[in-house]
């Protein structure tokens, strides 16, 4: 009988490299934007040695991958990651801004 030290949380943990950003971005847009992301992929290499670069349009903003990739799938995942992280950073910044406005307003009324 083999003994293993695998715990349940290790079985279900997803390594960061395996996060499917296209899925995450699509779920976000379905809930918040109501229009799915639109991808455009261009081969900047040769047929025997492709180099794909991708763009994605999300809610009127366009994002482009920084590098080229050997497959369309990798290029689209990379640009989806960029878009997803940019969108979430904007959301976080807006939330923080709103918190500061509420705190400022409360302090103003307390000092009045």
N, C-alpha and C. Protein backbone atom coordinates (compact mmCIF):
# COMPACT_ATOMS: atom_id res chain seq x y z
N UNK A 1 0.85 -1.18 0.00
CA UNK A 1 0.00 0.00 0.00
C UNK A 1 0.89 1.24 0.00
N UNK A 2 0.61 2.16 -0.93
CA UNK A 2 1.39 3.39 -1.04
C UNK A 2 0.83 4.44 -0.10
N UNK A 3 1.72 5.17 0.50
CA UNK A 3 1.32 6.27 1.36
C UNK A 3 1.59 7.58 0.62
N UNK A 4 0.61 8.44 0.55
CA UNK A 4 0.80 9.73 -0.11
C UNK A 4 0.50 10.85 0.88
N UNK A 5 1.15 11.95 0.67
CA UNK A 5 0.95 13.12 1.53
C UNK A 5 0.14 14.18 0.81
N UNK A 6 -0.75 13.78 -0.05
CA UNK A 6 -1.58 14.73 -0.79
C UNK A 6 -2.76 15.15 0.07
N UNK A 7 -2.93 16.42 0.22
CA UNK A 7 -4.10 16.92 0.94
C UNK A 7 -5.15 17.36 -0.07
N UNK A 8 -6.38 17.48 0.39
CA UNK A 8 -7.47 17.82 -0.53
C UNK A 8 -7.26 19.16 -1.21
N UNK A 9 -6.77 20.14 -0.48
CA UNK A 9 -6.61 21.45 -1.11
C UNK A 9 -5.55 21.44 -2.19
N UNK A 10 -4.57 20.55 -2.11
CA UNK A 10 -3.57 20.44 -3.18
C UNK A 10 -4.17 19.87 -4.46
N UNK A 11 -5.15 19.01 -4.32
CA UNK A 11 -5.77 18.40 -5.50
C UNK A 11 -6.55 19.41 -6.32
N UNK A 12 -7.12 20.41 -5.67
CA UNK A 12 -7.99 21.34 -6.37
C UNK A 12 -7.38 22.71 -6.62
N UNK A 13 -6.18 22.93 -6.12
CA UNK A 13 -5.52 24.22 -6.35
C UNK A 13 -5.09 24.33 -7.81
N UNK A 14 -5.32 25.49 -8.39
CA UNK A 14 -4.92 25.72 -9.78
C UNK A 14 -3.66 26.58 -9.78
N UNK A 15 -2.59 26.07 -10.35
CA UNK A 15 -1.37 26.88 -10.43
C UNK A 15 -1.64 28.15 -11.23
N UNK A 16 -0.99 29.27 -10.88
CA UNK A 16 -1.25 30.54 -11.57
C UNK A 16 -1.07 30.46 -13.08
N UNK A 17 -0.15 29.65 -13.56
CA UNK A 17 0.10 29.55 -14.99
C UNK A 17 -1.07 28.91 -15.73
N UNK A 18 -1.95 28.21 -15.02
CA UNK A 18 -3.06 27.52 -15.67
C UNK A 18 -4.38 28.27 -15.58
N UNK A 19 -4.37 29.48 -15.09
CA UNK A 19 -5.60 30.27 -15.03
C UNK A 19 -6.01 30.58 -16.46
N UNK A 20 -7.25 30.31 -16.78
CA UNK A 20 -7.76 30.55 -18.12
C UNK A 20 -8.35 31.97 -18.17
N UNK A 21 -7.50 32.91 -18.55
CA UNK A 21 -7.91 34.31 -18.53
C UNK A 21 -9.01 34.61 -19.54
N UNK A 22 -9.06 33.89 -20.65
CA UNK A 22 -10.15 34.10 -21.60
C UNK A 22 -11.48 33.79 -20.93
N UNK A 23 -11.53 32.72 -20.16
CA UNK A 23 -12.75 32.37 -19.44
C UNK A 23 -13.09 33.42 -18.39
N UNK A 24 -12.08 33.86 -17.63
CA UNK A 24 -12.30 34.86 -16.60
C UNK A 24 -12.83 36.17 -17.21
N UNK A 25 -12.21 36.58 -18.32
CA UNK A 25 -12.62 37.81 -18.99
C UNK A 25 -14.04 37.68 -19.53
N UNK A 26 -14.36 36.53 -20.10
CA UNK A 26 -15.70 36.32 -20.64
C UNK A 26 -16.74 36.34 -19.52
N UNK A 27 -16.45 35.69 -18.40
CA UNK A 27 -17.38 35.71 -17.27
C UNK A 27 -17.59 37.14 -16.77
N UNK A 28 -16.51 37.90 -16.67
CA UNK A 28 -16.62 39.29 -16.22
C UNK A 28 -17.51 40.09 -17.17
N UNK A 29 -17.27 39.97 -18.48
CA UNK A 29 -18.04 40.76 -19.44
C UNK A 29 -19.51 40.34 -19.46
N UNK A 30 -19.79 39.06 -19.29
CA UNK A 30 -21.18 38.61 -19.26
C UNK A 30 -21.93 39.21 -18.08
N UNK A 31 -21.25 39.35 -16.95
CA UNK A 31 -21.89 39.88 -15.75
C UNK A 31 -21.97 41.40 -15.74
N UNK A 32 -20.94 42.07 -16.27
CA UNK A 32 -20.82 43.51 -16.09
C UNK A 32 -20.98 44.36 -17.35
N UNK A 33 -20.61 43.84 -18.48
CA UNK A 33 -20.60 44.64 -19.71
C UNK A 33 -21.73 44.24 -20.64
N UNK A 34 -22.12 43.01 -20.60
CA UNK A 34 -23.19 42.45 -21.44
C UNK A 34 -22.78 42.26 -22.90
N UNK A 35 -21.55 42.59 -23.25
CA UNK A 35 -21.05 42.33 -24.60
C UNK A 35 -19.75 41.53 -24.46
N UNK A 36 -19.66 40.43 -25.17
CA UNK A 36 -18.48 39.57 -25.06
C UNK A 36 -17.25 40.23 -25.66
N UNK A 37 -16.07 39.84 -25.19
CA UNK A 37 -14.83 40.37 -25.77
C UNK A 37 -14.70 39.96 -27.23
N UNK A 38 -14.10 40.83 -28.03
CA UNK A 38 -13.87 40.55 -29.45
C UNK A 38 -12.36 40.45 -29.66
N UNK A 39 -11.91 39.28 -30.11
CA UNK A 39 -10.48 39.02 -30.31
C UNK A 39 -10.10 39.18 -31.77
N UNK A 40 -8.90 39.70 -31.99
CA UNK A 40 -8.31 39.77 -33.32
C UNK A 40 -6.88 39.26 -33.19
N UNK A 41 -6.54 38.24 -33.99
CA UNK A 41 -5.21 37.65 -33.93
C UNK A 41 -4.55 37.76 -35.29
N UNK A 42 -3.28 38.21 -35.28
CA UNK A 42 -2.53 38.41 -36.52
C UNK A 42 -1.24 37.60 -36.45
N UNK A 43 -0.90 36.92 -37.56
CA UNK A 43 0.37 36.19 -37.65
C UNK A 43 1.43 37.14 -38.20
N UNK A 44 2.42 37.47 -37.37
CA UNK A 44 3.50 38.36 -37.79
C UNK A 44 4.73 37.57 -38.24
N UNK A 45 4.61 36.25 -38.25
CA UNK A 45 5.73 35.40 -38.66
C UNK A 45 5.47 34.77 -40.01
N UNK A 46 6.07 33.61 -40.21
CA UNK A 46 5.94 32.86 -41.45
C UNK A 46 5.05 31.65 -41.23
N UNK A 47 4.51 31.05 -42.31
CA UNK A 47 3.67 29.87 -42.14
C UNK A 47 4.39 28.73 -41.40
N UNK A 48 5.69 28.59 -41.64
CA UNK A 48 6.43 27.50 -40.98
C UNK A 48 6.91 27.89 -39.58
N UNK A 49 6.87 29.18 -39.24
CA UNK A 49 7.29 29.67 -37.92
C UNK A 49 6.39 30.83 -37.51
N UNK A 50 5.13 30.53 -37.16
CA UNK A 50 4.18 31.61 -36.85
C UNK A 50 4.54 32.36 -35.57
N UNK A 51 4.20 33.64 -35.57
CA UNK A 51 4.34 34.50 -34.39
C UNK A 51 3.04 35.30 -34.30
N UNK A 52 2.19 34.88 -33.38
CA UNK A 52 0.87 35.51 -33.26
C UNK A 52 0.87 36.61 -32.22
N UNK A 53 0.20 37.70 -32.57
CA UNK A 53 -0.06 38.81 -31.65
C UNK A 53 -1.57 39.00 -31.63
N UNK A 54 -2.12 39.24 -30.45
CA UNK A 54 -3.57 39.36 -30.33
C UNK A 54 -3.98 40.70 -29.75
N UNK A 55 -5.18 41.12 -30.12
CA UNK A 55 -5.84 42.29 -29.55
C UNK A 55 -7.21 41.82 -29.07
N UNK A 56 -7.72 42.51 -28.06
CA UNK A 56 -9.08 42.23 -27.62
C UNK A 56 -9.78 43.55 -27.33
N UNK A 57 -11.03 43.63 -27.74
CA UNK A 57 -11.87 44.80 -27.50
C UNK A 57 -12.86 44.46 -26.40
N UNK A 58 -12.81 45.24 -25.31
CA UNK A 58 -13.70 45.02 -24.18
C UNK A 58 -14.31 46.35 -23.77
N UNK A 59 -15.61 46.46 -23.92
CA UNK A 59 -16.35 47.65 -23.48
C UNK A 59 -15.74 48.94 -24.03
N UNK A 60 -15.37 48.93 -25.31
CA UNK A 60 -14.83 50.12 -25.95
C UNK A 60 -13.34 50.34 -25.78
N UNK A 61 -12.68 49.54 -24.96
CA UNK A 61 -11.23 49.65 -24.76
C UNK A 61 -10.53 48.50 -25.47
N UNK A 62 -9.41 48.83 -26.13
CA UNK A 62 -8.65 47.81 -26.85
C UNK A 62 -7.35 47.52 -26.11
N UNK A 63 -7.04 46.24 -25.99
CA UNK A 63 -5.82 45.79 -25.33
C UNK A 63 -5.04 44.95 -26.33
N UNK A 64 -3.70 45.04 -26.28
CA UNK A 64 -2.85 44.31 -27.22
C UNK A 64 -1.77 43.55 -26.46
N UNK A 65 -1.46 42.34 -26.93
CA UNK A 65 -0.41 41.55 -26.29
C UNK A 65 0.94 42.21 -26.54
N UNK A 66 1.81 42.12 -25.55
CA UNK A 66 3.12 42.76 -25.62
C UNK A 66 4.08 41.97 -26.51
N UNK A 67 3.94 40.68 -26.51
CA UNK A 67 4.86 39.80 -27.24
C UNK A 67 4.11 39.03 -28.31
N UNK A 68 4.87 38.23 -29.06
CA UNK A 68 4.26 37.31 -30.01
C UNK A 68 4.36 35.90 -29.44
N UNK A 69 3.48 35.03 -29.92
CA UNK A 69 3.37 33.67 -29.38
C UNK A 69 3.27 32.67 -30.51
N UNK A 70 3.69 31.43 -30.28
CA UNK A 70 3.69 30.42 -31.34
C UNK A 70 2.29 29.92 -31.73
N UNK A 71 1.30 30.14 -30.87
CA UNK A 71 -0.07 29.71 -31.20
C UNK A 71 -1.06 30.84 -30.96
N UNK A 72 -2.19 30.78 -31.67
CA UNK A 72 -3.25 31.77 -31.47
C UNK A 72 -3.79 31.69 -30.04
N UNK A 73 -3.92 30.47 -29.55
CA UNK A 73 -4.46 30.27 -28.20
C UNK A 73 -3.60 30.98 -27.16
N UNK A 74 -2.29 30.82 -27.24
CA UNK A 74 -1.39 31.48 -26.29
C UNK A 74 -1.48 33.00 -26.40
N UNK A 75 -1.55 33.50 -27.63
CA UNK A 75 -1.64 34.95 -27.83
C UNK A 75 -2.94 35.50 -27.24
N UNK A 76 -4.04 34.80 -27.45
CA UNK A 76 -5.33 35.25 -26.92
C UNK A 76 -5.37 35.15 -25.40
N UNK A 77 -4.77 34.10 -24.83
CA UNK A 77 -4.70 34.00 -23.37
C UNK A 77 -3.89 35.16 -22.79
N UNK A 78 -2.78 35.50 -23.45
CA UNK A 78 -1.92 36.58 -22.96
C UNK A 78 -2.64 37.92 -22.99
N UNK A 79 -3.34 38.21 -24.08
CA UNK A 79 -4.04 39.49 -24.16
C UNK A 79 -5.25 39.51 -23.23
N UNK A 80 -5.89 38.37 -23.03
CA UNK A 80 -7.00 38.30 -22.08
C UNK A 80 -6.50 38.58 -20.66
N UNK A 81 -5.32 38.09 -20.33
CA UNK A 81 -4.73 38.35 -19.01
C UNK A 81 -4.48 39.85 -18.84
N UNK A 82 -3.91 40.47 -19.86
CA UNK A 82 -3.65 41.92 -19.80
C UNK A 82 -4.95 42.68 -19.58
N UNK A 83 -5.97 42.38 -20.38
CA UNK A 83 -7.25 43.08 -20.28
C UNK A 83 -7.89 42.84 -18.91
N UNK A 84 -7.92 41.60 -18.48
CA UNK A 84 -8.55 41.24 -17.21
C UNK A 84 -7.88 41.98 -16.05
N UNK A 85 -6.55 41.98 -16.03
CA UNK A 85 -5.83 42.64 -14.95
C UNK A 85 -6.00 44.16 -15.01
N UNK A 86 -5.99 44.74 -16.20
CA UNK A 86 -6.21 46.18 -16.33
C UNK A 86 -7.60 46.57 -15.85
N UNK A 87 -8.59 45.83 -16.24
CA UNK A 87 -9.97 46.12 -15.84
C UNK A 87 -10.11 46.02 -14.33
N UNK A 88 -9.55 44.98 -13.73
CA UNK A 88 -9.67 44.82 -12.29
C UNK A 88 -8.88 45.88 -11.52
N UNK A 89 -7.76 46.33 -12.07
CA UNK A 89 -7.03 47.42 -11.42
C UNK A 89 -7.83 48.71 -11.47
N UNK A 90 -8.55 48.96 -12.58
CA UNK A 90 -9.40 50.15 -12.67
C UNK A 90 -10.54 50.06 -11.66
N UNK A 91 -11.13 48.87 -11.53
CA UNK A 91 -12.22 48.68 -10.59
C UNK A 91 -11.72 48.91 -9.17
N UNK A 92 -10.57 48.34 -8.84
CA UNK A 92 -10.01 48.52 -7.50
C UNK A 92 -9.72 49.99 -7.23
N UNK A 93 -9.19 50.70 -8.22
CA UNK A 93 -8.87 52.12 -8.05
C UNK A 93 -10.15 52.92 -7.81
N UNK A 94 -11.23 52.60 -8.54
CA UNK A 94 -12.50 53.30 -8.34
C UNK A 94 -13.06 53.03 -6.95
N UNK A 95 -12.97 51.77 -6.50
CA UNK A 95 -13.46 51.42 -5.17
C UNK A 95 -12.71 52.19 -4.09
N UNK A 96 -11.39 52.28 -4.21
CA UNK A 96 -10.57 53.00 -3.24
C UNK A 96 -10.92 54.48 -3.27
N UNK A 97 -11.09 55.04 -4.46
CA UNK A 97 -11.46 56.45 -4.59
C UNK A 97 -12.79 56.72 -3.90
N UNK A 98 -13.76 55.84 -4.07
CA UNK A 98 -15.06 55.99 -3.44
C UNK A 98 -14.94 55.93 -1.92
N UNK A 99 -14.11 55.03 -1.41
CA UNK A 99 -13.91 54.92 0.04
C UNK A 99 -13.36 56.22 0.60
N UNK A 100 -12.36 56.79 -0.08
CA UNK A 100 -11.78 58.06 0.38
C UNK A 100 -12.81 59.18 0.37
N UNK A 101 -13.68 59.21 -0.64
CA UNK A 101 -14.71 60.25 -0.70
C UNK A 101 -15.68 60.12 0.48
N UNK A 102 -16.05 58.88 0.81
CA UNK A 102 -16.97 58.65 1.93
C UNK A 102 -16.31 59.07 3.24
N UNK A 103 -15.04 58.68 3.43
CA UNK A 103 -14.32 59.06 4.65
C UNK A 103 -14.20 60.58 4.75
N UNK A 104 -13.85 61.23 3.64
CA UNK A 104 -13.71 62.69 3.64
C UNK A 104 -15.04 63.35 4.00
N UNK A 105 -16.13 62.87 3.42
CA UNK A 105 -17.45 63.44 3.68
C UNK A 105 -17.82 63.26 5.15
N UNK A 106 -17.56 62.09 5.70
CA UNK A 106 -17.86 61.84 7.12
C UNK A 106 -17.04 62.75 8.02
N UNK A 107 -15.75 62.89 7.72
CA UNK A 107 -14.89 63.77 8.52
C UNK A 107 -15.35 65.22 8.43
N UNK A 108 -15.79 65.63 7.24
CA UNK A 108 -16.26 67.00 7.04
C UNK A 108 -17.48 67.28 7.93
N UNK A 109 -18.44 66.35 7.94
CA UNK A 109 -19.65 66.54 8.73
C UNK A 109 -19.36 66.46 10.22
N UNK A 110 -18.42 65.64 10.63
CA UNK A 110 -18.07 65.53 12.04
C UNK A 110 -17.39 66.81 12.54
N UNK A 111 -16.63 67.45 11.67
CA UNK A 111 -15.92 68.67 12.05
C UNK A 111 -16.78 69.92 11.92
N UNK A 112 -17.94 69.80 11.30
CA UNK A 112 -18.81 70.97 11.11
C UNK A 112 -19.56 71.32 12.37
